[in-house]
Amino acid sequence: MENRAYYTNRIESCQVEYVRAKKRYQLIGTFRLFSFLLAFNSLYFFWGSTLAFIGFVIFFVLFLLLVNLSVNAKYLRDKWKKLIEINQEEINVLNGDWLHFDEGNEYRNAKHAFALDMDLFGKKSIYQLFNRTVSRKGSNLLAKQLMYGVDNHALANEAIETFSSEMDWCQTFLAEGLVFDKEELDRSFEKITSIESRELKEAPIMRFLVPILSITATVLVSFDLISVTVFSFYIAFILGLIGKNFSKVNVITSKVTNYSSQVKMQERQLVLYQKLKLKPGLLQVNQEALFTSEQNLLDSLRQLEKIQNRMDFRMNLLVGTVLNFYLAWDYHVIHQWNQWKVQNESKLGKWEEQLAQLEVWISGAVYRFNFPETCYAHFSERDYINISKLGHPFVLANKRVCNDVELTEENHFLIITGPNMAGKSTYLRSLGLAFIAANAGFPILAERCEIPKMSLYSSMRTTDDLTVESSYFHAELTRLRFIMDAIEKGEKVFIILDEILKGTNSKDKEIGSAKFLEKLKTLNAKGVIATHDLSLCELANNNLAYKNWYFDSTIVNDELSFDYKIRPGICQNMNASFLLKKMKLVD
């Protein structure tokens, strides 16, 4: 199904489910209130008879069951609401608006090899377009892989392609996290093991002795075999004994339950991943490895969720008092928490990263679904770059002009000339994004892409820095030195340059730029440079290491127009003078 039609149909079906889930939640809430009132009314109206005890137990147990049902009903209501929002947001993306997604400003780094030049982070950025992660770990991993690439490109390609044909599954996976506040998911789940906890001293005895004594005492007082006064003294004694650890247990349980959102999200996401039917391949191997270990993450999360639920029950003062009096609840939950921590603390970091990786792959899958005209990079063993119909996703499809890129093993640099606004910068960033996406295992907006495995470096937006008394020219030289250092260390590099040495005079710039490109050629670097210095084009004279390509503009009836198509050769038409006159800046 075409992506826009899919999102529209999905909204309609989710809205039906949302209305149904909302009504169910309201109904359960009503029954929960009545069961609570009936539990304590049984004690009031039938005190002194067996019915008091039986009625209280029945209605209180019913109340606890309805509390669980209410939590689940609220979760389903919120999930359907989030699914509606997910599809509405993706329709906005198809219309060219993705500003509602996280910008990733915390990852911005002007000293990175290409992040600033390629609009990797910030408003209207690549990260913002790609990002569908819901956890902090997922966001961090996406940023890391966009900046530094992945080791297993084949697995990433296969996962993204598989998930892109399972969009219902992807949306449900993401909705499992979106039902929680983002702040709840920002803390690292791995840190739960740093919560200090020690077994309560008297726990081994009290865990079993208190329930026997309390239930026995309640039965005895119900049949008038002991007086209410004796029973009251017993209640005070037991609650006092348990209460001396109350503040200590409160601290532990509040810290552990702070991670309940991560636990619920990850457990539900794992169940979804476990049920996903996969074809034999790298992704299926990844799936099996996650669930076949003796103590796998899903089992561990289920155990922890039960412990957290038990901790949640005691946080209600009335409920907690009853549970502690009859079941020595605090002793049990602390014992269970300590056992879980010992068994799992060494594994959580690895498990959490595996789930974060699924979020990253889903981000790629949504991008692939939204841009079906994409392809995956084929990494060539040769220093050969051949990209057909390369475009940039920031430009809407009905306005996008795609171009080819070709550099043979003999070619080192593509020298691009052309007038202002003709498409040079968009072409450079399209090519940069192709390398970023390929290295991260993401799809490329092109019909075909064959490139070698190379690291991307760029110099396009150098600025001066008054805080360190750095001139514009010095800042640019520092940036070029940064690129050169990477090459001289043996890194295989593809370089994108836009009008280098802008901070010096024309003659210096002409000579310096030519010598710098010749130096890069001797170091076997490849790249592309956009320039207004036509003298640089002379490097291609009788030298296969350089190729001249250009963008052009036309002036018809005193109107400037562009076709944004790249051509072999050197541009002869510049438009600065025309634009100055057009805007009445010169006569």
Protein backbone atom coordinates (compact mmCIF):
# COMPACT_ATOMS: atom_id res chain seq x y z
CA MET A 1 0.00 0.00 0.00
CA GLU A 2 1.19 3.54 -0.79
CA ASN A 3 2.53 5.15 2.39
CA ARG A 4 0.08 8.05 2.62
CA ALA A 5 -2.94 5.76 2.15
CA TYR A 6 -1.51 3.37 4.75
CA TYR A 7 -1.21 6.11 7.38
CA THR A 8 -4.72 7.41 6.68
CA ASN A 9 -6.29 3.93 6.96
CA ARG A 10 -4.29 3.20 10.07
CA ILE A 11 -5.59 6.35 11.79
CA GLU A 12 -9.18 5.32 11.08
CA SER A 13 -8.74 1.79 12.49
CA CYS A 14 -6.84 3.02 15.56
CA GLN A 15 -9.52 5.58 16.36
CA VAL A 16 -12.14 2.79 16.55
CA GLU A 17 -9.92 0.82 18.97
CA TYR A 18 -9.18 3.93 21.03
CA VAL A 19 -12.88 4.66 21.66
CA ARG A 20 -13.44 1.02 22.70
CA ALA A 21 -10.43 1.02 25.06
CA LYS A 22 -11.48 4.32 26.63
CA LYS A 23 -14.95 2.98 27.51
CA ARG A 24 -13.46 -0.20 29.01
CA TYR A 25 -11.10 1.81 31.22
CA GLN A 26 -13.96 3.93 32.57
CA LEU A 27 -16.08 0.85 33.33
CA ILE A 28 -13.29 -0.93 35.22
CA GLY A 29 -12.65 2.24 37.24
CA THR A 30 -16.26 2.25 38.41
CA PHE A 31 -16.15 -1.42 39.50
CA ARG A 32 -12.83 -0.85 41.27
CA LEU A 33 -14.31 1.92 43.41
CA PHE A 34 -17.32 -0.21 44.37
CA SER A 35 -15.18 -3.24 45.34
CA PHE A 36 -13.04 -1.05 47.61
CA LEU A 37 -16.10 0.37 49.36
CA LEU A 38 -17.68 -3.08 49.73
CA ALA A 39 -14.50 -4.52 51.32
CA PHE A 40 -14.58 -2.08 54.23
CA ASN A 41 -18.36 -2.02 54.46
CA SER A 42 -18.20 -5.78 55.09
CA LEU A 43 -16.07 -5.14 58.17
CA TYR A 44 -18.38 -2.39 59.36
CA PHE A 45 -21.73 -4.13 58.88
CA PHE A 46 -20.72 -7.70 59.78
CA TRP A 47 -18.08 -7.07 62.48
CA GLY A 48 -17.98 -9.91 64.98
CA SER A 49 -19.12 -12.57 62.53
CA THR A 50 -17.41 -14.82 60.03
CA LEU A 51 -19.01 -12.83 57.19
CA ALA A 52 -16.88 -9.80 58.14
CA PHE A 53 -13.65 -11.62 57.46
CA ILE A 54 -14.90 -13.53 54.39
CA GLY A 55 -16.53 -10.43 52.85
CA PHE A 56 -13.44 -8.26 53.42
CA VAL A 57 -11.09 -10.84 51.89
CA ILE A 58 -13.29 -11.44 48.82
CA PHE A 59 -13.90 -7.78 47.99
CA PHE A 60 -10.33 -6.71 48.81
CA VAL A 61 -8.89 -9.40 46.52
CA LEU A 62 -11.39 -8.29 43.86
CA PHE A 63 -10.22 -4.70 44.36
CA LEU A 64 -6.57 -5.72 43.82
CA LEU A 65 -7.50 -7.63 40.66
CA LEU A 66 -9.42 -4.62 39.34
CA VAL A 67 -6.44 -2.36 40.09
CA ASN A 68 -4.35 -4.55 37.76
CA LEU A 69 -7.11 -4.59 35.14
CA SER A 70 -7.40 -0.81 35.38
CA VAL A 71 -3.68 -0.33 34.81
CA ASN A 72 -3.81 -2.57 31.74
CA ALA A 73 -6.94 -0.84 30.43
CA LYS A 74 -5.29 2.59 30.79
CA TYR A 75 -2.21 1.29 28.98
CA LEU A 76 -4.32 0.03 26.05
CA ARG A 77 -6.22 3.31 25.86
CA ASP A 78 -2.98 5.31 25.82
CA LYS A 79 -1.35 2.98 23.30
CA TRP A 80 -4.15 3.40 20.74
CA LYS A 81 -3.98 7.16 21.24
CA LYS A 82 -0.23 7.11 20.58
CA LEU A 83 -0.71 5.00 17.45
CA ILE A 84 -3.07 7.65 16.11
CA GLU A 85 -0.45 10.33 16.83
CA ILE A 86 2.33 8.26 15.19
CA ASN A 87 0.41 8.06 11.91
CA GLN A 88 -0.57 11.72 11.98
CA GLU A 89 3.09 12.66 12.47
CA GLU A 90 4.20 10.48 9.54
CA ILE A 91 1.67 12.17 7.26
CA ASN A 92 3.28 15.46 8.31
CA VAL A 93 6.67 14.02 7.34
CA LEU A 94 5.35 13.18 3.86
CA ASN A 95 4.26 16.82 3.64
CA GLY A 96 7.80 17.96 4.44
CA ASP A 97 7.32 18.71 8.16
CA TRP A 98 9.26 16.67 10.72
CA LEU A 99 10.02 19.46 13.21
CA HIS A 100 7.94 17.69 15.88
CA PHE A 101 10.70 15.07 16.33
CA ASP A 102 13.69 15.45 18.65
CA GLU A 103 16.45 17.62 17.17
CA GLY A 104 19.36 15.87 18.91
CA ASN A 105 21.03 19.16 19.84
CA GLU A 106 22.92 17.46 22.68
CA TYR A 107 24.95 15.56 20.07
CA ARG A 108 26.07 18.64 18.12
CA ASN A 109 29.83 18.88 17.82
CA ALA A 110 31.53 21.43 15.58
CA LYS A 111 34.76 19.40 15.75
CA HIS A 112 33.17 16.26 14.33
CA ALA A 113 34.30 15.12 10.89
CA PHE A 114 31.07 16.19 9.13
CA ALA A 115 28.16 16.64 11.58
CA LEU A 116 27.92 20.44 11.39
CA ASP A 117 28.34 20.73 7.61
CA MET A 118 25.84 17.98 6.81
CA ASP A 119 23.04 19.28 9.11
CA LEU A 120 23.26 16.04 11.07
CA PHE A 121 21.73 17.50 14.24
CA GLY A 122 19.52 20.44 15.08
CA LYS A 123 16.37 21.89 13.61
CA LYS A 124 15.44 20.46 10.19
CA SER A 125 18.29 17.96 10.47
CA ILE A 126 19.05 14.46 9.23
CA TYR A 127 18.81 13.08 12.76
CA GLN A 128 15.42 14.72 13.22
CA LEU A 129 14.17 13.16 9.97
CA PHE A 130 15.50 9.67 10.80
CA ASN A 131 14.86 9.50 14.54
CA ARG A 132 11.95 7.38 15.77
CA THR A 133 13.66 6.09 18.92
CA VAL A 134 11.74 6.25 22.20
CA SER A 135 14.45 5.57 24.80
CA ARG A 136 17.55 7.57 25.69
CA LYS A 137 19.71 4.55 24.89
CA GLY A 138 18.09 4.30 21.46
CA SER A 139 18.63 8.01 20.75
CA ASN A 140 22.28 7.77 21.79
CA LEU A 141 22.86 4.72 19.62
CA LEU A 142 21.24 6.32 16.56
CA ALA A 143 23.39 9.43 16.95
CA LYS A 144 26.51 7.30 17.41
CA GLN A 145 25.84 5.16 14.33
CA LEU A 146 25.08 8.19 12.15
CA MET A 147 28.34 9.80 13.25
CA TYR A 148 30.62 6.76 13.18
CA GLY A 149 28.84 4.03 11.21
CA VAL A 150 28.25 0.36 12.04
CA ASP A 151 30.36 -2.77 11.74
CA ASN A 152 27.74 -5.10 10.25
CA HIS A 153 26.16 -3.30 7.29
CA ALA A 154 24.53 -6.46 5.94
CA LEU A 155 22.63 -7.07 9.20
CA ALA A 156 21.51 -3.42 9.38
CA ASN A 157 20.30 -3.47 5.75
CA GLU A 158 18.42 -6.73 6.26
CA ALA A 159 16.80 -5.57 9.49
CA ILE A 160 15.69 -2.24 8.05
CA GLU A 161 14.32 -3.85 4.89
CA THR A 162 12.47 -6.51 6.89
CA PHE A 163 10.95 -4.04 9.33
CA SER A 164 9.93 -1.66 6.52
CA SER A 165 7.45 -4.31 5.33
CA GLU A 166 6.12 -4.75 8.90
CA MET A 167 4.95 -1.21 9.59
CA ASP A 168 2.10 -2.26 11.93
CA TRP A 169 4.66 -4.13 14.00
CA CYS A 170 7.08 -1.16 13.99
CA GLN A 171 4.41 1.25 15.15
CA THR A 172 3.27 -1.06 17.93
CA PHE A 173 6.88 -1.51 19.06
CA LEU A 174 7.37 2.27 19.28
CA ALA A 175 3.98 2.85 20.92
CA GLU A 176 5.04 0.56 23.78
CA GLY A 177 7.54 3.24 24.75
CA LEU A 178 5.54 6.32 23.79
CA VAL A 179 2.78 5.49 26.31
CA PHE A 180 5.25 6.62 28.99
CA ASP A 181 6.59 10.13 29.56
CA LYS A 182 9.92 10.62 27.81
CA GLU A 183 11.56 11.71 31.08
CA GLU A 184 10.76 8.29 32.54
CA LEU A 185 12.71 6.59 29.76
CA ASP A 186 15.69 8.97 29.76
CA ARG A 187 17.46 7.28 32.66
CA SER A 188 19.64 4.30 31.82
CA PHE A 189 18.01 1.03 32.88
CA GLU A 190 21.47 -0.41 33.52
CA LYS A 191 21.81 1.92 36.53
CA ILE A 192 19.10 0.03 38.41
CA THR A 193 21.79 -2.35 39.63
CA SER A 194 23.54 0.53 41.43
CA ILE A 195 20.64 0.78 43.90
CA GLU A 196 22.04 -0.33 47.24
CA SER A 197 20.04 -2.95 49.09
CA ARG A 198 20.75 -5.38 51.88
CA GLU A 199 18.65 -8.23 53.20
CA LEU A 200 16.69 -7.20 56.31
CA LYS A 201 18.21 -9.04 59.30
CA GLU A 202 15.09 -10.75 60.60
CA ALA A 203 13.72 -11.46 57.10
CA PRO A 204 14.40 -15.24 56.96
CA ILE A 205 12.13 -15.81 60.00
CA MET A 206 9.61 -12.98 59.65
CA ARG A 207 8.74 -13.76 56.00
CA PHE A 208 7.10 -17.00 57.09
CA LEU A 209 6.19 -16.46 60.76
CA VAL A 210 4.17 -13.23 60.41
CA PRO A 211 1.59 -14.57 57.87
CA ILE A 212 0.91 -17.64 60.03
CA LEU A 213 0.45 -15.61 63.24
CA SER A 214 -1.60 -12.78 61.67
CA ILE A 215 -4.05 -15.02 59.83
CA THR A 216 -4.42 -17.18 62.96
CA ALA A 217 -5.05 -14.13 65.17
CA THR A 218 -7.70 -12.77 62.75
CA VAL A 219 -9.56 -16.09 62.70
CA LEU A 220 -9.43 -16.29 66.52
CA VAL A 221 -10.79 -12.78 67.04
CA SER A 222 -13.51 -13.38 64.44
CA PHE A 223 -14.78 -16.33 66.48
CA ASP A 224 -14.32 -14.43 69.77
CA LEU A 225 -11.61 -16.86 70.89
CA ILE A 226 -9.38 -13.91 71.77
CA SER A 227 -10.48 -10.41 72.75
CA VAL A 228 -10.35 -7.36 70.49
CA THR A 229 -7.94 -5.80 72.97
CA VAL A 230 -5.45 -8.67 72.63
CA PHE A 231 -5.85 -8.53 68.87
CA SER A 232 -5.21 -4.78 68.90
CA PHE A 233 -2.00 -5.26 70.92
CA TYR A 234 -0.89 -7.92 68.43
CA ILE A 235 -1.55 -5.57 65.48
CA ALA A 236 0.49 -2.81 67.12
CA PHE A 237 3.35 -5.21 67.86
CA ILE A 238 3.57 -6.64 64.31
CA LEU A 239 3.22 -3.29 62.56
CA GLY A 240 5.78 -1.75 64.91
CA LEU A 241 8.22 -4.57 64.17
CA ILE A 242 7.77 -4.17 60.41
CA GLY A 243 7.57 -0.39 60.66
CA LYS A 244 11.10 0.03 62.01
CA ASN A 245 12.36 -0.81 58.51
CA PHE A 246 9.62 1.14 56.75
CA SER A 247 11.66 4.22 55.76
CA LYS A 248 14.58 2.06 54.57
CA VAL A 249 12.28 -0.09 52.45
CA ASN A 250 10.55 3.04 51.12
CA VAL A 251 13.83 4.37 49.74
CA ILE A 252 14.69 1.08 48.03
CA THR A 253 11.26 0.47 46.55
CA SER A 254 10.84 4.03 45.28
CA LYS A 255 14.18 3.80 43.45
CA VAL A 256 13.42 0.38 41.95
CA THR A 257 9.89 1.34 40.85
CA ASN A 258 11.29 4.48 39.18
CA TYR A 259 12.41 2.07 36.46
CA SER A 260 9.01 0.44 36.01
CA SER A 261 8.45 2.29 32.72
CA GLN A 262 11.63 0.86 31.19
CA VAL A 263 10.77 -2.62 32.41
CA LYS A 264 7.22 -2.58 31.03
CA MET A 265 8.36 -1.07 27.73
CA GLN A 266 11.21 -3.50 27.19
CA GLU A 267 9.18 -6.55 28.20
CA ARG A 268 6.39 -5.72 25.76
CA GLN A 269 8.84 -4.87 22.99
CA LEU A 270 10.65 -8.16 23.49
CA VAL A 271 7.39 -10.11 23.29
CA LEU A 272 6.67 -8.37 19.99
CA TYR A 273 10.13 -9.18 18.65
CA GLN A 274 9.87 -12.79 19.79
CA LYS A 275 6.56 -13.24 17.94
CA LEU A 276 7.78 -11.63 14.70
CA LYS A 277 8.11 -14.27 11.98
CA LEU A 278 11.42 -13.84 10.18
CA LYS A 279 12.92 -15.45 7.13
CA PRO A 280 16.24 -17.32 7.57
CA GLY A 281 19.07 -14.83 7.62
CA LEU A 282 21.19 -12.57 9.78
CA LEU A 283 18.20 -10.96 11.51
CA GLN A 284 16.71 -14.33 12.46
CA VAL A 285 20.04 -15.31 14.02
CA ASN A 286 19.98 -12.04 15.98
CA GLN A 287 16.44 -12.77 17.15
CA GLU A 288 17.22 -16.32 18.25
CA ALA A 289 20.33 -15.25 20.16
CA LEU A 290 18.23 -12.85 22.23
CA PHE A 291 15.81 -15.53 23.44
CA THR A 292 17.73 -18.79 23.59
CA SER A 293 20.12 -18.01 26.44
CA GLU A 294 19.52 -19.87 29.69
CA GLN A 295 18.60 -16.67 31.54
CA ASN A 296 17.31 -14.38 28.80
CA LEU A 297 16.20 -10.79 29.07
CA LEU A 298 12.48 -11.46 28.67
CA ASP A 299 12.36 -13.90 31.60
CA SER A 300 14.39 -11.53 33.76
CA LEU A 301 12.18 -8.55 32.96
CA ARG A 302 9.05 -10.52 33.78
CA GLN A 303 10.51 -11.41 37.17
CA LEU A 304 11.46 -7.78 37.83
CA GLU A 305 8.04 -6.48 36.78
CA LYS A 306 6.39 -8.78 39.34
CA ILE A 307 8.74 -7.47 42.02
CA GLN A 308 7.99 -3.85 41.06
CA ASN A 309 4.25 -4.50 41.09
CA ARG A 310 4.56 -5.91 44.60
CA MET A 311 6.54 -2.83 45.61
CA ASP A 312 3.84 -0.59 44.09
CA PHE A 313 1.13 -2.27 46.16
CA ARG A 314 2.85 -1.38 49.42
CA MET A 315 3.23 2.31 48.44
CA ASN A 316 -0.49 2.77 49.18
CA LEU A 317 -0.47 3.24 52.96
CA LEU A 318 -3.71 1.37 53.61
CA VAL A 319 -2.99 -1.46 51.19
CA GLY A 320 0.62 -1.65 52.36
CA THR A 321 -0.44 -1.93 55.99
CA VAL A 322 -2.80 -4.81 55.25
CA LEU A 323 -0.22 -6.62 53.11
CA ASN A 324 2.53 -6.24 55.69
CA PHE A 325 0.27 -7.34 58.54
CA TYR A 326 -0.93 -10.53 56.82
CA LEU A 327 1.98 -11.39 54.48
CA ALA A 328 5.12 -9.61 55.82
CA TRP A 329 5.17 -7.97 52.39
CA ASP A 330 8.27 -5.76 52.84
CA TYR A 331 10.46 -8.70 53.85
CA HIS A 332 9.39 -10.64 50.77
CA VAL A 333 9.87 -7.87 48.17
CA ILE A 334 13.34 -6.87 49.44
CA HIS A 335 14.44 -10.51 49.44
CA GLN A 336 13.15 -10.98 45.88
CA TRP A 337 14.80 -7.75 44.70
CA ASN A 338 18.20 -8.78 46.12
CA GLN A 339 18.02 -12.15 44.41
CA TRP A 340 17.12 -10.57 41.04
CA LYS A 341 19.92 -8.02 41.29
CA VAL A 342 22.59 -10.66 41.95
CA GLN A 343 21.44 -12.76 39.00
CA ASN A 344 21.18 -9.97 36.40
CA GLU A 345 23.42 -7.01 37.15
CA SER A 346 26.24 -8.15 34.83
CA LYS A 347 23.94 -8.58 31.81
CA LEU A 348 21.73 -5.49 31.74
CA GLY A 349 24.05 -3.21 29.74
CA LYS A 350 24.33 -5.63 26.82
CA TRP A 351 20.62 -6.42 26.85
CA GLU A 352 19.65 -2.75 26.86
CA GLU A 353 21.87 -2.01 23.88
CA GLN A 354 20.29 -4.86 21.90
CA LEU A 355 16.85 -3.33 22.42
CA ALA A 356 18.19 0.12 21.52
CA GLN A 357 19.48 -1.37 18.27
CA LEU A 358 15.94 -2.47 17.38
CA GLU A 359 14.77 1.14 17.81
CA VAL A 360 17.53 2.32 15.46
CA TRP A 361 16.60 -0.27 12.82
CA ILE A 362 12.94 0.72 13.10
CA SER A 363 13.96 4.35 12.55
CA GLY A 364 15.63 3.24 9.33
CA ALA A 365 12.60 1.16 8.38
CA VAL A 366 10.20 4.11 8.76
CA TYR A 367 12.52 6.23 6.61
CA ARG A 368 12.60 3.47 3.98
CA PHE A 369 8.78 3.24 4.06
CA ASN A 370 8.41 7.01 3.71
CA PHE A 371 10.98 7.15 0.90
CA PRO A 372 10.48 3.96 -1.14
CA GLU A 373 12.72 5.39 -3.88
CA THR A 374 15.75 4.65 -1.69
CA CYS A 375 18.29 1.85 -2.09
CA TYR A 376 21.08 0.27 -0.02
CA ALA A 377 24.75 0.89 -0.68
CA HIS A 378 26.89 -1.74 -2.29
CA PHE A 379 30.41 -1.42 -0.90
CA SER A 380 32.91 -1.78 -3.73
CA GLU A 381 36.32 -3.37 -3.26
CA ARG A 382 37.65 -0.75 -5.68
CA ASP A 383 37.95 3.01 -5.15
CA TYR A 384 34.97 3.45 -7.41
CA ILE A 385 31.99 5.70 -6.74
CA ASN A 386 28.89 5.32 -8.88
CA ILE A 387 25.59 6.73 -7.62
CA SER A 388 22.58 7.03 -9.91
CA LYS A 389 19.80 9.57 -9.42
CA LEU A 390 21.01 10.86 -6.09
CA GLY A 391 18.65 13.21 -4.28
CA HIS A 392 18.17 14.81 -0.88
CA PRO A 393 15.15 13.97 1.35
CA PHE A 394 14.86 17.58 2.54
CA VAL A 395 13.51 18.46 -0.92
CA LEU A 396 9.94 17.33 -1.55
CA ALA A 397 9.58 14.63 -4.20
CA ASN A 398 7.64 16.84 -6.62
CA LYS A 399 10.45 19.42 -6.54
CA ARG A 400 13.45 17.11 -6.14
CA VAL A 401 16.01 17.00 -8.95
CA CYS A 402 18.28 13.95 -8.83
CA ASN A 403 21.81 13.77 -10.20
CA ASP A 404 24.50 11.16 -10.79
CA VAL A 405 27.92 10.87 -9.18
CA GLU A 406 30.81 8.98 -10.74
CA LEU A 407 34.47 8.82 -9.77
CA THR A 408 36.54 6.00 -11.25
CA GLU A 409 39.63 4.57 -9.61
CA GLU A 410 41.72 7.05 -11.62
CA ASN A 411 39.58 10.03 -10.56
CA HIS A 412 40.33 11.64 -7.22
CA PHE A 413 38.38 14.90 -7.16
CA LEU A 414 35.24 16.21 -8.74
CA ILE A 415 35.53 20.00 -9.19
CA ILE A 416 32.10 21.62 -9.33
CA THR A 417 31.47 25.14 -10.59
CA GLY A 418 28.27 27.06 -11.07
CA PRO A 419 26.39 30.25 -10.19
CA ASN A 420 24.85 31.00 -6.83
CA MET A 421 21.67 29.06 -5.92
CA ALA A 422 22.16 26.64 -8.83
CA GLY A 423 22.33 23.52 -6.60
CA LYS A 424 26.00 23.04 -5.67
CA SER A 425 25.49 22.93 -1.87
CA THR A 426 22.47 20.60 -2.14
CA TYR A 427 24.52 18.29 -4.35
CA LEU A 428 27.38 18.24 -1.83
CA ARG A 429 25.06 17.49 1.07
CA SER A 430 23.22 14.81 -0.91
CA LEU A 431 26.54 13.10 -1.54
CA GLY A 432 27.54 13.53 2.10
CA LEU A 433 24.26 12.02 3.28
CA ALA A 434 24.80 9.06 0.94
CA PHE A 435 28.06 8.26 2.77
CA ILE A 436 26.50 8.88 6.20
CA ALA A 437 23.53 6.61 5.49
CA ALA A 438 25.64 3.92 3.83
CA ASN A 439 28.10 3.75 6.74
CA ALA A 440 25.20 3.61 9.23
CA GLY A 441 23.47 0.82 7.27
CA PHE A 442 20.57 3.12 6.34
CA PRO A 443 18.94 3.49 2.89
CA ILE A 444 20.27 6.09 0.44
CA LEU A 445 17.96 8.33 -1.58
CA ALA A 446 19.20 7.10 -4.96
CA GLU A 447 18.37 4.52 -7.59
CA ARG A 448 21.72 2.78 -7.22
CA CYS A 449 24.74 3.35 -4.98
CA GLU A 450 28.19 1.77 -5.23
CA ILE A 451 30.89 3.27 -3.03
CA PRO A 452 34.05 2.11 -1.26
CA LYS A 453 34.19 1.93 2.53
CA MET A 454 35.46 5.42 3.35
CA SER A 455 35.08 7.85 6.24
CA LEU A 456 33.43 11.16 5.41
CA TYR A 457 35.18 14.45 6.22
CA SER A 458 34.01 17.93 5.24
CA SER A 459 34.86 21.63 5.39
CA MET A 460 31.89 23.78 4.47
CA ARG A 461 30.87 25.97 7.41
CA THR A 462 34.05 27.13 9.10
CA THR A 463 33.57 30.12 11.42
CA ASP A 464 35.90 32.35 13.39
CA ASP A 465 36.09 31.97 17.17
CA LEU A 466 36.51 35.19 19.15
CA THR A 467 36.87 33.29 22.44
CA VAL A 468 40.25 31.93 21.33
CA GLU A 469 41.14 34.90 19.06
CA SER A 470 40.88 32.63 16.01
CA SER A 471 40.45 34.37 12.65
CA TYR A 472 38.19 32.91 9.99
CA PHE A 473 41.22 31.95 7.90
CA HIS A 474 43.00 30.32 10.83
CA ALA A 475 39.85 28.39 11.73
CA GLU A 476 39.62 27.11 8.16
CA LEU A 477 43.26 26.04 8.12
CA THR A 478 42.70 24.23 11.43
CA ARG A 479 39.79 22.37 9.87
CA LEU A 480 41.84 21.38 6.82
CA ARG A 481 44.67 20.24 9.11
CA PHE A 482 42.13 18.10 10.99
CA ILE A 483 41.20 16.40 7.70
CA MET A 484 44.83 15.99 6.68
CA ASP A 485 45.70 14.38 10.03
CA ALA A 486 43.08 11.70 9.44
CA ILE A 487 44.49 10.92 6.00
CA GLU A 488 48.09 10.84 7.19
CA LYS A 489 47.11 8.39 9.94
CA GLY A 490 46.04 5.97 7.22
CA GLU A 491 42.30 6.52 7.35
CA LYS A 492 40.51 6.02 4.04
CA VAL A 493 38.74 9.32 3.52
CA PHE A 494 36.16 10.92 1.23
CA ILE A 495 36.29 14.72 1.48
CA ILE A 496 33.64 17.32 0.71
CA LEU A 497 34.90 20.90 0.41
CA ASP A 498 32.96 24.07 -0.32
CA GLU A 499 34.92 27.11 -1.46
CA ILE A 500 38.03 26.56 0.67
CA LEU A 501 40.46 29.32 1.70
CA LYS A 502 37.72 31.96 1.60
CA GLY A 503 39.57 33.97 4.23
CA THR A 504 42.46 35.07 2.00
CA ASN A 505 42.93 37.08 -1.21
CA SER A 506 42.05 35.69 -4.64
CA LYS A 507 45.60 34.93 -5.82
CA ASP A 508 46.55 33.22 -2.56
CA LYS A 509 43.30 31.30 -2.64
CA GLU A 510 43.85 30.15 -6.23
CA ILE A 511 47.41 28.94 -5.60
CA GLY A 512 46.69 27.48 -2.14
CA SER A 513 43.56 25.60 -3.23
CA ALA A 514 45.33 24.01 -6.20
CA LYS A 515 48.29 22.90 -4.09
CA PHE A 516 46.01 21.51 -1.38
CA LEU A 517 44.07 19.40 -3.90
CA GLU A 518 47.32 18.13 -5.40
CA LYS A 519 48.54 17.19 -1.91
CA LEU A 520 45.28 15.29 -1.25
CA LYS A 521 45.69 13.45 -4.56
CA THR A 522 49.18 12.27 -3.66
CA LEU A 523 47.74 10.89 -0.39
CA ASN A 524 45.16 8.92 -2.41
CA ALA A 525 42.16 10.79 -0.98
CA LYS A 526 38.94 11.18 -2.91
CA GLY A 527 36.34 13.89 -2.78
CA VAL A 528 34.41 16.73 -4.28
CA ILE A 529 34.93 20.50 -4.15
CA ALA A 530 32.57 23.29 -5.08
CA THR A 531 34.27 26.52 -6.12
CA HIS A 532 33.86 29.82 -7.95
CA ASP A 533 37.58 29.79 -8.89
CA LEU A 534 37.57 28.66 -12.50
CA SER A 535 41.35 28.44 -12.38
CA LEU A 536 41.01 25.25 -10.29
CA CYS A 537 39.35 23.63 -13.28
CA GLU A 538 42.70 23.73 -15.08
CA LEU A 539 43.83 20.87 -12.83
CA ALA A 540 41.77 18.57 -15.02
CA ASN A 541 43.75 19.46 -18.13
CA ASN A 542 45.42 16.21 -19.21
CA ASN A 543 45.03 14.81 -15.67
CA LEU A 544 42.47 12.06 -14.97
CA ALA A 545 42.74 12.68 -11.23
CA TYR A 546 40.35 15.63 -11.59
CA LYS A 547 36.97 15.96 -13.31
CA ASN A 548 35.10 19.18 -14.05
CA TRP A 549 31.32 19.28 -13.62
CA TYR A 550 29.02 22.27 -13.35
CA PHE A 551 25.53 23.60 -12.63
CA ASP A 552 24.05 26.31 -14.79
CA SER A 553 21.39 29.02 -14.82
CA THR A 554 19.47 30.77 -17.56
CA ILE A 555 18.08 34.30 -17.83
CA VAL A 556 14.93 34.64 -19.90
CA ASN A 557 12.84 37.83 -20.00
CA ASP A 558 14.85 39.25 -17.13
CA GLU A 559 14.05 36.23 -14.95
CA LEU A 560 16.65 33.86 -13.51
CA SER A 561 15.89 30.12 -13.57
CA PHE A 562 17.69 26.88 -12.70
CA ASP A 563 17.24 23.26 -13.71
CA TYR A 564 19.55 21.97 -10.91
CA LYS A 565 21.09 19.38 -13.25
CA ILE A 566 24.82 18.69 -13.16
CA ARG A 567 26.77 18.50 -16.41
CA PRO A 568 30.33 17.67 -17.44
CA GLY A 569 32.48 20.73 -18.08
CA ILE A 570 33.06 24.21 -16.65
CA CYS A 571 30.37 26.78 -15.90
CA GLN A 572 30.57 29.95 -17.99
CA ASN A 573 27.48 31.76 -16.65
CA MET A 574 27.65 33.49 -13.27
CA ASN A 575 24.72 35.41 -11.82
CA ALA A 576 26.10 37.67 -9.07
CA SER A 577 25.97 40.82 -11.21
CA PHE A 578 22.46 40.02 -12.41
CA LEU A 579 21.22 39.45 -8.83
CA LEU A 580 22.80 42.70 -7.61
CA LYS A 581 20.96 44.60 -10.33
CA LYS A 582 17.75 42.65 -9.77
CA MET A 583 17.70 43.64 -6.09
CA LYS A 584 18.69 47.24 -6.99
CA LEU A 585 21.95 47.02 -5.08
CA VAL A 586 23.92 48.38 -8.06
CA ASP A 587 23.04 50.47 -11.11
